[in-house]
């Protein structure tokens, strides 16, 4: 089926042919043998007469022009338009006619000489050349311009892969630089809305065909770069493109002004021009080339359904991992609490603490008893003083009391020092006898996998897993 541009071209071509048909009919009317005056013809009959007239009157032709709208069908037949600055001519080259031809493959923009039979394709009512041979007559103007610009920009480094940036995995804003009318923008909007409905879409309307199209597209790219995050939301990626067409239709994407704008863009840009077989200068400069605009839309955003499914799966996996880790930590804590190696230091410290408390109480009681005895002696002496001469006895006894008091302080201080020394020796002994003290002296403690202390080789058997605890960690090993 023909596209919109081809359909309009086809209509114009049919109108042009109608005028030529009338001239052929007039010429035939002057010949009595072929006079058709007064006879009503069907379209098929008229078209058949035109075809016969063309083939008999003109027949074999050799025409030179530039190849446009080239396409190869699955049948092997080649269809293209031969044109110059003022006119164009449809051509068909059937597969059986070029099997032995040694000319270079046809391509858009080639200048060629075509030899064949001028005839009419009756089902569409258009005249065409059934090509018998093609000879290249030099590179066409558009192809020459394309190749020259491509070489120059490539030498300047505009096509270097090293400068091309990856597309963002999860863009929040996508800008479309394309025509606001037609199926292309609608197709991209549908794809983006279906795959990622949360993505913000900015449509910058431009012409995608004609003399001013390249400048408009370039200005759109510069505007999006300039206003991104200023008057516009931050643009994560730009898609610039249009649907298929002839070389002339797509030529704005081969202009240098557009290539420079794409190269200068700080925003990653996807070129989506024409069909899969169409290549433009914009494709080589862009960060990414998509064969069609719809594929470009699919490329720049993730699939929302698949993304939500992956998020749910990741969430389930994370929940399972956290649950399992918590269970392992809980089991580890329970094991440590049950371990004799964990309980023993705590029990010994508790016992030593109780002994310290008991010793402190004994000291306090001894001191209180001693003070009470001395108090009783003082009272006896006081009574004796009162019974004798107070002045002399009091002075004597005061001296005795002071001596006793000084001796009491010395005895009490010595007793306290003795007990403190005993407590310190007990504490040091406890530290030395504790597992941690043993480990700090360079020894190790062998434990069974259940946490019990291995005190004899008789407790060890071949293949048994043991844990050797050192001062700075543990070593797991297996007995051979």
Protein backbone atom coordinates (compact mmCIF):
# COMPACT_ATOMS: atom_id res chain seq x y z
CA UNK A 1 0.00 0.00 0.00
CA UNK A 2 1.32 3.46 -0.85
CA UNK A 3 2.02 5.99 1.90
CA UNK A 4 0.54 9.46 2.05
CA UNK A 5 3.27 11.19 0.05
CA UNK A 6 3.27 8.43 -2.58
CA UNK A 7 -0.50 8.50 -2.82
CA UNK A 8 -0.50 12.23 -3.60
CA UNK A 9 2.30 11.71 -6.13
CA UNK A 10 0.31 8.90 -7.70
CA UNK A 11 -2.76 11.10 -8.03
CA UNK A 12 -0.75 13.84 -9.75
CA UNK A 13 0.79 11.30 -12.07
CA UNK A 14 -2.63 9.97 -13.09
CA UNK A 15 -3.84 13.48 -13.88
CA UNK A 16 -0.75 14.05 -16.02
CA UNK A 17 -1.35 10.85 -17.92
CA UNK A 18 -4.94 11.79 -18.69
CA UNK A 19 -3.79 14.74 -20.83
CA UNK A 20 -1.40 12.48 -22.77
CA UNK A 21 -4.14 9.90 -23.30
CA UNK A 22 -6.31 12.55 -24.95
CA UNK A 23 -3.51 13.47 -27.35
CA UNK A 24 -3.06 9.79 -28.29
CA UNK A 25 -6.79 9.44 -28.88
CA UNK A 26 -6.81 12.50 -31.15
CA UNK A 27 -3.87 11.13 -33.16
CA UNK A 28 -5.60 7.77 -33.58
CA UNK A 29 -8.81 9.44 -34.71
CA UNK A 30 -7.03 10.88 -37.77
CA UNK A 31 -6.19 7.32 -38.85
CA UNK A 32 -9.27 5.67 -40.41
CA UNK A 33 -7.99 2.25 -39.54
CA UNK A 34 -7.84 3.12 -35.80
CA UNK A 35 -10.60 5.72 -35.59
CA UNK A 36 -12.38 5.55 -32.24
CA UNK A 37 -14.80 8.44 -32.80
CA UNK A 38 -18.23 7.62 -31.46
CA UNK A 39 -17.00 4.48 -29.68
CA UNK A 40 -17.24 4.31 -25.88
CA UNK A 41 -14.15 2.62 -24.44
CA UNK A 42 -13.63 1.02 -21.08
CA UNK A 43 -10.66 2.13 -18.99
CA UNK A 44 -8.97 -1.20 -19.71
CA UNK A 45 -9.44 -0.82 -23.44
CA UNK A 46 -8.11 2.75 -23.46
CA UNK A 47 -5.13 1.82 -21.31
CA UNK A 48 -4.34 -1.16 -23.53
CA UNK A 49 -4.41 1.08 -26.62
CA UNK A 50 -2.07 3.55 -24.90
CA UNK A 51 0.34 0.75 -23.97
CA UNK A 52 0.41 -0.53 -27.56
CA UNK A 53 0.94 3.00 -28.86
CA UNK A 54 3.85 3.64 -26.48
CA UNK A 55 5.50 0.30 -27.21
CA UNK A 56 5.12 0.62 -30.98
CA UNK A 57 5.81 4.35 -31.32
CA UNK A 58 8.62 4.74 -28.77
CA UNK A 59 9.56 1.24 -27.65
CA UNK A 60 13.19 0.86 -26.54
CA UNK A 61 14.61 3.89 -24.72
CA UNK A 62 17.85 4.87 -22.96
CA UNK A 63 17.21 7.33 -20.15
CA UNK A 64 19.67 8.97 -17.72
CA UNK A 65 18.73 10.25 -14.29
CA UNK A 66 19.10 9.86 -10.52
CA UNK A 67 17.75 6.87 -8.57
CA UNK A 68 15.13 7.68 -5.92
CA UNK A 69 12.57 5.69 -3.88
CA UNK A 70 14.58 2.52 -4.44
CA UNK A 71 13.17 -0.68 -2.95
CA UNK A 72 13.88 -4.38 -3.37
CA UNK A 73 10.92 -6.75 -3.06
CA UNK A 74 11.03 -10.27 -1.61
CA UNK A 75 10.37 -11.55 -5.13
CA UNK A 76 13.71 -10.11 -6.23
CA UNK A 77 12.15 -7.39 -8.38
CA UNK A 78 13.59 -3.88 -8.00
CA UNK A 79 11.45 -0.75 -8.13
CA UNK A 80 12.77 2.80 -8.29
CA UNK A 81 12.10 6.26 -9.70
CA UNK A 82 14.43 7.84 -12.23
CA UNK A 83 14.36 11.63 -12.01
CA UNK A 84 16.04 14.87 -12.89
CA UNK A 85 15.35 18.44 -11.81
CA UNK A 86 11.97 18.70 -13.60
CA UNK A 87 10.44 15.24 -14.01
CA UNK A 88 10.46 11.67 -12.79
CA UNK A 89 9.89 8.27 -14.39
CA UNK A 90 8.83 5.00 -12.74
CA UNK A 91 11.06 1.99 -13.44
CA UNK A 92 10.81 -1.72 -12.67
CA UNK A 93 13.68 -4.18 -13.05
CA UNK A 94 12.41 -7.74 -12.94
CA UNK A 95 14.61 -10.36 -11.28
CA UNK A 96 15.09 -12.43 -14.44
CA UNK A 97 16.42 -9.42 -16.33
CA UNK A 98 19.37 -8.52 -14.06
CA UNK A 99 20.70 -11.94 -13.06
CA UNK A 100 23.59 -11.63 -15.50
CA UNK A 101 24.04 -7.89 -15.22
CA UNK A 102 27.43 -6.88 -13.80
CA UNK A 103 26.66 -3.30 -12.79
CA UNK A 104 27.04 -2.09 -9.19
CA UNK A 105 23.98 -2.52 -6.91
CA UNK A 106 21.48 0.29 -7.15
CA UNK A 107 21.31 2.79 -4.29
CA UNK A 108 19.55 6.03 -3.48
CA UNK A 109 21.10 9.03 -5.24
CA UNK A 110 23.02 7.07 -7.91
CA UNK A 111 23.18 8.60 -11.37
CA UNK A 112 22.52 5.83 -13.90
CA UNK A 113 21.67 5.14 -17.56
CA UNK A 114 18.67 2.84 -17.95
CA UNK A 115 17.84 0.83 -21.08
CA UNK A 116 14.45 -0.77 -21.44
CA UNK A 117 10.95 -0.82 -22.93
CA UNK A 118 8.64 2.13 -22.34
CA UNK A 119 5.23 0.68 -21.48
CA UNK A 120 2.18 1.13 -19.25
CA UNK A 121 1.44 -0.64 -15.96
CA UNK A 122 -2.21 -1.13 -16.79
CA UNK A 123 -3.54 -1.97 -13.29
CA UNK A 124 -2.40 1.46 -12.01
CA UNK A 125 -2.63 3.35 -15.27
CA UNK A 126 0.90 4.76 -15.17
CA UNK A 127 3.65 4.58 -17.71
CA UNK A 128 7.00 3.09 -16.76
CA UNK A 129 10.20 1.61 -18.12
CA UNK A 130 10.66 -2.14 -17.95
CA UNK A 131 14.42 -2.08 -17.38
CA UNK A 132 16.65 -4.47 -19.29
CA UNK A 133 20.04 -3.08 -18.20
CA UNK A 134 21.47 -0.36 -15.97
CA UNK A 135 24.80 1.34 -16.27
CA UNK A 136 26.17 3.70 -13.60
CA UNK A 137 26.93 7.15 -14.97
CA UNK A 138 28.52 8.62 -11.87
CA UNK A 139 27.44 9.44 -8.34
CA UNK A 140 24.32 11.54 -8.06
CA UNK A 141 24.42 15.06 -6.66
CA UNK A 142 22.72 14.17 -3.36
CA UNK A 143 24.87 11.09 -2.86
CA UNK A 144 28.01 13.10 -3.60
CA UNK A 145 26.98 15.74 -1.07
CA UNK A 146 26.19 13.02 1.47
CA UNK A 147 29.55 11.27 1.02
CA UNK A 148 31.53 14.51 1.14
CA UNK A 149 29.85 15.72 4.34
CA UNK A 150 30.15 12.29 5.91
CA UNK A 151 33.90 12.14 5.24
CA UNK A 152 34.49 15.64 6.58
CA UNK A 153 32.49 15.16 9.77
CA UNK A 154 34.09 11.78 10.36
CA UNK A 155 37.54 13.34 10.10
CA UNK A 156 36.49 15.96 12.66
CA UNK A 157 35.49 13.22 15.11
CA UNK A 158 31.72 13.77 15.15
CA UNK A 159 31.13 10.03 14.64
CA UNK A 160 33.59 8.76 17.29
CA UNK A 161 32.10 6.02 19.44
CA UNK A 162 34.11 7.20 22.46
CA UNK A 163 32.00 10.37 22.76
CA UNK A 164 28.63 8.59 22.45
CA UNK A 165 26.81 8.36 25.77
CA UNK A 166 24.63 5.52 27.01
CA UNK A 167 20.92 6.18 27.26
CA UNK A 168 19.53 6.64 30.79
CA UNK A 169 18.01 3.43 32.15
CA UNK A 170 15.01 5.15 33.76
CA UNK A 171 14.34 8.55 32.19
CA UNK A 172 11.78 10.83 33.82
CA UNK A 173 11.31 13.17 30.83
CA UNK A 174 11.54 12.34 27.12
CA UNK A 175 11.47 15.05 24.43
CA UNK A 176 10.17 14.29 20.92
CA UNK A 177 11.44 16.54 18.13
CA UNK A 178 9.24 15.67 15.17
CA UNK A 179 6.23 16.75 13.16
CA UNK A 180 3.15 17.29 15.35
CA UNK A 181 0.93 15.73 12.69
CA UNK A 182 0.96 12.30 11.12
CA UNK A 183 1.25 8.79 12.46
CA UNK A 184 4.89 8.98 13.66
CA UNK A 185 4.27 11.15 16.72
CA UNK A 186 1.12 9.19 17.54
CA UNK A 187 2.99 5.89 17.30
CA UNK A 188 5.73 7.13 19.64
CA UNK A 189 3.20 8.53 22.12
CA UNK A 190 1.33 5.23 22.16
CA UNK A 191 4.51 3.21 22.72
CA UNK A 192 5.76 5.53 25.48
CA UNK A 193 2.35 5.60 27.17
CA UNK A 194 2.03 1.82 27.04
CA UNK A 195 5.54 0.99 28.27
CA UNK A 196 6.16 3.80 30.78
CA UNK A 197 3.01 5.82 31.60
CA UNK A 198 4.87 7.66 34.40
CA UNK A 199 7.34 9.29 31.98
CA UNK A 200 6.75 12.98 31.15
CA UNK A 201 6.73 13.60 27.37
CA UNK A 202 7.60 16.94 25.75
CA UNK A 203 6.71 17.33 22.06
CA UNK A 204 8.65 20.05 20.22
CA UNK A 205 6.84 20.48 16.86
CA UNK A 206 9.09 21.04 13.85
CA UNK A 207 9.06 20.57 10.10
CA UNK A 208 10.76 17.33 9.10
CA UNK A 209 10.89 18.03 5.37
CA UNK A 210 11.81 21.05 3.29
CA UNK A 211 14.47 23.74 3.17
CA UNK A 212 13.93 25.10 6.71
CA UNK A 213 13.46 21.72 8.41
CA UNK A 214 17.12 21.13 9.34
CA UNK A 215 17.44 24.58 10.97
CA UNK A 216 14.17 24.07 12.89
CA UNK A 217 15.25 20.68 14.22
CA UNK A 218 18.68 22.05 15.18
CA UNK A 219 17.08 24.98 17.03
CA UNK A 220 14.73 22.57 18.84
CA UNK A 221 17.70 20.53 20.10
CA UNK A 222 19.53 23.66 21.25
CA UNK A 223 16.39 25.00 22.96
CA UNK A 224 15.85 21.76 24.88
CA UNK A 225 19.49 21.79 26.02
CA UNK A 226 19.31 25.45 26.99
CA UNK A 227 16.00 25.31 28.88
CA UNK A 228 16.33 21.83 30.43
CA UNK A 229 15.95 22.31 34.18
CA UNK A 230 15.29 26.05 33.71
CA UNK A 231 11.92 26.77 32.11
CA UNK A 232 11.40 23.07 31.32
CA UNK A 233 11.67 19.92 33.40
CA UNK A 234 15.08 18.24 33.22
CA UNK A 235 15.13 16.44 29.86
CA UNK A 236 16.80 13.01 30.13
CA UNK A 237 16.75 11.99 26.45
CA UNK A 238 15.72 13.43 23.07
CA UNK A 239 14.23 11.51 20.12
CA UNK A 240 14.56 13.32 16.77
CA UNK A 241 13.04 11.68 13.73
CA UNK A 242 10.32 11.15 11.19
CA UNK A 243 8.77 8.43 9.05
CA UNK A 244 10.06 7.03 5.80
CA UNK A 245 10.28 8.76 2.46
CA UNK A 246 12.54 9.46 -0.48
CA UNK A 247 16.11 10.73 -0.20
CA UNK A 248 14.82 14.26 -0.74
CA UNK A 249 12.19 13.84 1.98
CA UNK A 250 14.81 12.73 4.49
CA UNK A 251 17.52 15.16 3.34
CA UNK A 252 17.12 17.62 6.20
CA UNK A 253 18.66 14.96 8.47
CA UNK A 254 21.78 15.07 6.25
CA UNK A 255 22.39 18.80 6.76
CA UNK A 256 25.52 19.98 8.58
CA UNK A 257 23.65 22.45 10.79
CA UNK A 258 21.67 19.58 12.31
CA UNK A 259 24.75 17.37 12.67
CA UNK A 260 26.51 20.16 14.62
CA UNK A 261 23.51 20.63 16.93
CA UNK A 262 23.35 16.91 17.69
CA UNK A 263 27.10 16.80 18.37
CA UNK A 264 26.85 19.77 20.78
CA UNK A 265 23.84 18.37 22.66
CA UNK A 266 24.56 17.63 26.32
CA UNK A 267 21.38 15.53 26.44
CA UNK A 268 21.64 11.98 25.00
CA UNK A 269 19.92 11.93 21.61
CA UNK A 270 18.34 9.11 19.60
CA UNK A 271 18.04 9.46 15.82
CA UNK A 272 14.97 7.70 14.41
CA UNK A 273 14.68 8.56 10.73
CA UNK A 274 12.73 6.59 8.15
CA UNK A 275 12.90 2.83 7.92
CA UNK A 276 15.53 0.30 8.91
CA UNK A 277 17.36 0.62 5.57
CA UNK A 278 17.55 4.44 5.70
CA UNK A 279 20.79 5.97 7.00
CA UNK A 280 21.40 9.69 7.48
CA UNK A 281 24.21 11.87 8.81
CA UNK A 282 22.13 12.37 11.96
CA UNK A 283 22.27 8.61 12.58
CA UNK A 284 26.07 8.64 12.61
CA UNK A 285 26.35 11.65 14.96
CA UNK A 286 23.59 10.68 17.41
CA UNK A 287 24.33 8.77 20.61
CA UNK A 288 22.01 6.00 19.45
CA UNK A 289 20.30 5.11 16.15
CA UNK A 290 16.89 3.46 16.07
CA UNK A 291 15.67 1.84 12.84
CA UNK A 292 12.19 3.40 13.24
CA UNK A 293 10.57 5.99 15.54
CA UNK A 294 8.51 3.30 17.27
CA UNK A 295 11.64 1.31 18.05
CA UNK A 296 13.23 4.51 19.39
CA UNK A 297 10.32 4.94 21.81
CA UNK A 298 10.70 1.33 22.95
CA UNK A 299 14.46 1.82 23.40
CA UNK A 300 14.48 4.92 25.60
CA UNK A 301 12.04 3.73 28.30
CA UNK A 302 11.82 0.43 30.19
CA UNK A 303 8.83 -1.88 29.97
CA UNK A 304 6.66 -0.89 32.93
CA UNK A 305 5.07 -4.33 33.32
CA UNK A 306 8.44 -6.09 33.31
CA UNK A 307 9.89 -3.43 35.63
CA UNK A 308 7.10 -3.84 38.18
CA UNK A 309 7.48 -7.61 37.99
CA UNK A 310 11.23 -7.29 38.60
CA UNK A 311 10.68 -4.91 41.52
CA UNK A 312 8.27 -7.36 43.14
CA UNK A 313 10.71 -10.21 42.63
CA UNK A 314 13.59 -8.17 44.08
CA UNK A 315 11.44 -7.17 47.05
CA UNK A 316 10.54 -10.80 47.73
CA UNK A 317 14.18 -11.85 47.47
CA UNK A 318 15.28 -9.03 49.79
CA UNK A 319 12.63 -9.94 52.37
CA UNK A 320 13.71 -13.58 52.26
CA UNK A 321 17.39 -12.66 52.64
CA UNK A 322 16.71 -10.37 55.61
CA UNK A 323 14.53 -12.99 57.29
CA UNK A 324 17.16 -15.69 56.81
CA UNK A 325 19.93 -13.40 58.09
CA UNK A 326 17.94 -12.52 61.20
CA UNK A 327 17.31 -16.19 61.84
CA UNK A 328 21.03 -16.94 61.53
CA UNK A 329 21.92 -14.12 63.94
CA UNK A 330 19.27 -15.31 66.40
CA UNK A 331 20.62 -18.86 66.29
CA UNK A 332 24.15 -17.54 66.75
CA UNK A 333 23.15 -15.53 69.83
CA UNK A 334 21.34 -18.50 71.34
CA UNK A 335 24.39 -20.69 70.73
CA UNK A 336 26.69 -18.16 72.40
CA UNK A 337 24.40 -17.86 75.39
CA UNK A 338 24.41 -21.65 75.84
CA UNK A 339 28.16 -21.93 75.31
CA UNK A 340 30.24 -22.86 78.41
CA UNK A 341 33.03 -20.61 77.15
CA UNK A 342 30.59 -17.71 77.24
CA UNK A 343 29.12 -18.57 80.67
CA UNK A 344 32.38 -19.37 82.58
CA UNK A 345 33.98 -15.88 82.64
CA UNK A 346 30.70 -14.36 83.69
CA UNK A 347 30.28 -16.88 86.53
CA UNK A 348 33.83 -16.34 87.78
CA UNK A 349 33.41 -12.59 87.74
CA UNK A 350 30.17 -12.93 89.69
CA UNK A 351 31.87 -15.17 92.27
CA UNK A 352 34.82 -12.76 92.66
CA UNK A 353 32.42 -9.87 93.05
CA UNK A 354 30.63 -11.74 95.84
CA UNK A 355 33.95 -12.44 97.61
CA UNK A 356 34.87 -8.76 97.41
CA UNK A 357 31.52 -7.85 98.95
CA UNK A 358 31.96 -10.44 101.74
CA UNK A 359 35.51 -9.24 102.53
CA UNK A 360 34.32 -5.65 102.65
CA UNK A 361 31.60 -6.60 105.13
CA UNK A 362 34.11 -8.52 107.32
CA UNK A 363 36.40 -5.50 107.38
CA UNK A 364 33.60 -3.22 108.39
CA UNK A 365 32.51 -5.56 111.18
CA UNK A 366 36.09 -5.99 112.47
CA UNK A 367 36.60 -2.26 112.48
CA UNK A 368 33.34 -1.68 114.28
CA UNK A 369 34.15 -4.38 116.90
CA UNK A 370 37.61 -2.94 117.46
CA UNK A 371 36.25 0.54 117.85
CA UNK A 372 33.60 -0.72 120.27
CA UNK A 373 36.30 -2.43 122.41
CA UNK A 374 38.37 0.68 122.46
CA UNK A 375 35.33 2.67 123.39
CA UNK A 376 34.72 0.36 126.32
CA UNK A 377 38.33 0.73 127.47
CA UNK A 378 38.01 4.49 127.26
CA UNK A 379 34.93 4.34 129.38
CA UNK A 380 36.73 2.21 132.03
CA UNK A 381 39.63 4.60 132.02
CA UNK A 382 37.34 7.53 132.32
CA UNK A 383 35.74 5.94 135.31
CA UNK A 384 39.16 5.34 136.84
CA UNK A 385 40.08 8.96 136.14
CA UNK A 386 37.04 10.12 137.84
CA UNK A 387 37.92 7.85 140.78
CA UNK A 388 41.43 9.27 141.12
CA UNK A 389 42.97 12.71 140.81
CA UNK A 390 41.59 13.99 137.63
CA UNK A 391 44.32 16.34 136.60
CA UNK A 392 47.29 13.93 136.75
CA UNK A 393 45.45 10.80 135.79
CA UNK A 394 43.72 12.62 132.97
CA UNK A 395 46.96 13.84 131.49
CA UNK A 396 48.49 10.37 131.73
CA UNK A 397 45.54 8.66 130.25
CA UNK A 398 45.29 11.24 127.50
CA UNK A 399 48.78 10.28 126.42
CA UNK A 400 47.90 6.59 126.57
CA UNK A 401 44.78 7.20 124.58
CA UNK A 402 46.64 9.12 121.92
CA UNK A 403 49.21 6.33 121.69
CA UNK A 404 46.48 3.71 121.43
CA UNK A 405 44.66 5.83 118.86
CA UNK A 406 47.81 6.16 116.73
CA UNK A 407 48.46 2.42 117.01
CA UNK A 408 44.85 1.73 116.10
CA UNK A 409 45.15 3.85 112.99
CA UNK A 410 48.35 2.08 112.00
CA UNK A 411 46.84 -1.34 112.64
CA UNK A 412 43.67 -0.44 110.76
CA UNK A 413 45.64 1.01 107.83
CA UNK A 414 47.92 -2.03 107.71
CA UNK A 415 44.91 -4.32 107.85
CA UNK A 416 43.24 -2.44 105.00
CA UNK A 417 46.44 -2.56 102.91
CA UNK A 418 46.74 -6.28 103.60
CA UNK A 419 43.16 -6.94 102.50
CA UNK A 420 43.51 -4.75 99.45
CA UNK A 421 46.67 -6.61 98.47
CA UNK A 422 44.84 -9.91 98.95
CA UNK A 423 41.99 -8.65 96.77
CA UNK A 424 44.42 -7.53 94.10
CA UNK A 425 46.15 -10.93 94.11
CA UNK A 426 42.77 -12.61 93.82
CA UNK A 427 41.84 -10.35 90.91
CA UNK A 428 45.16 -11.01 89.12
CA UNK A 429 44.78 -14.72 89.75
CA UNK A 430 41.27 -14.60 88.32
CA UNK A 431 42.53 -12.77 85.23
CA UNK A 432 45.36 -15.29 84.78
CA UNK A 433 43.03 -18.25 85.24
CA UNK A 434 40.29 -16.87 82.95
CA UNK A 435 40.12 -18.09 79.31
CA UNK A 436 40.88 -14.61 78.05
CA UNK A 437 44.05 -14.44 80.18
CA UNK A 438 45.16 -17.83 78.92
CA UNK A 439 44.60 -16.71 75.33
CA UNK A 440 46.49 -13.46 75.87
CA UNK A 441 49.55 -15.43 77.09
CA UNK A 442 49.74 -17.15 73.68
CA UNK A 443 47.76 -20.27 74.48
CA UNK A 444 44.72 -21.50 72.59
CA UNK A 445 41.54 -23.29 73.61
CA UNK A 446 40.22 -26.22 71.61
CA UNK A 447 36.45 -26.50 71.49
CA UNK A 448 34.11 -29.05 69.99
CA UNK A 449 31.58 -27.94 67.41
CA UNK A 450 28.96 -27.89 70.21
CA UNK A 451 31.09 -25.46 72.28
CA UNK A 452 32.54 -27.86 74.87
CA UNK A 453 36.20 -27.58 75.93
CA UNK A 454 38.45 -30.42 74.66
CA UNK A 455 40.75 -31.39 77.53
CA UNK A 456 42.12 -34.74 76.29
CA UNK A 457 43.03 -36.37 72.99
CA UNK A 458 40.60 -39.11 73.91
CA UNK A 459 37.81 -36.64 73.19
CA UNK A 460 39.01 -36.21 69.58
CA UNK A 461 38.18 -38.50 66.70
CA UNK A 462 39.06 -38.50 63.02
CA UNK A 463 36.85 -36.28 60.87
CA UNK A 464 35.69 -34.33 63.89
CA UNK A 465 35.27 -30.57 63.39
CA UNK A 466 36.93 -28.51 66.10
CA UNK A 467 37.16 -24.79 66.81
CA UNK A 468 40.48 -23.39 68.07
CA UNK A 469 39.99 -20.11 69.86
CA UNK A 470 42.94 -17.67 69.83
CA UNK A 471 43.34 -14.25 71.37
CA UNK A 472 42.34 -12.48 68.13
CA UNK A 473 39.80 -14.86 66.61
CA UNK A 474 38.99 -18.47 65.92
CA UNK A 475 40.14 -21.21 63.52
CA UNK A 476 37.81 -23.94 62.26
CA UNK A 477 39.54 -27.24 61.42
CA UNK A 478 38.86 -30.93 60.83
CA UNK A 479 40.83 -33.72 62.58
CA UNK A 480 42.50 -36.12 60.13
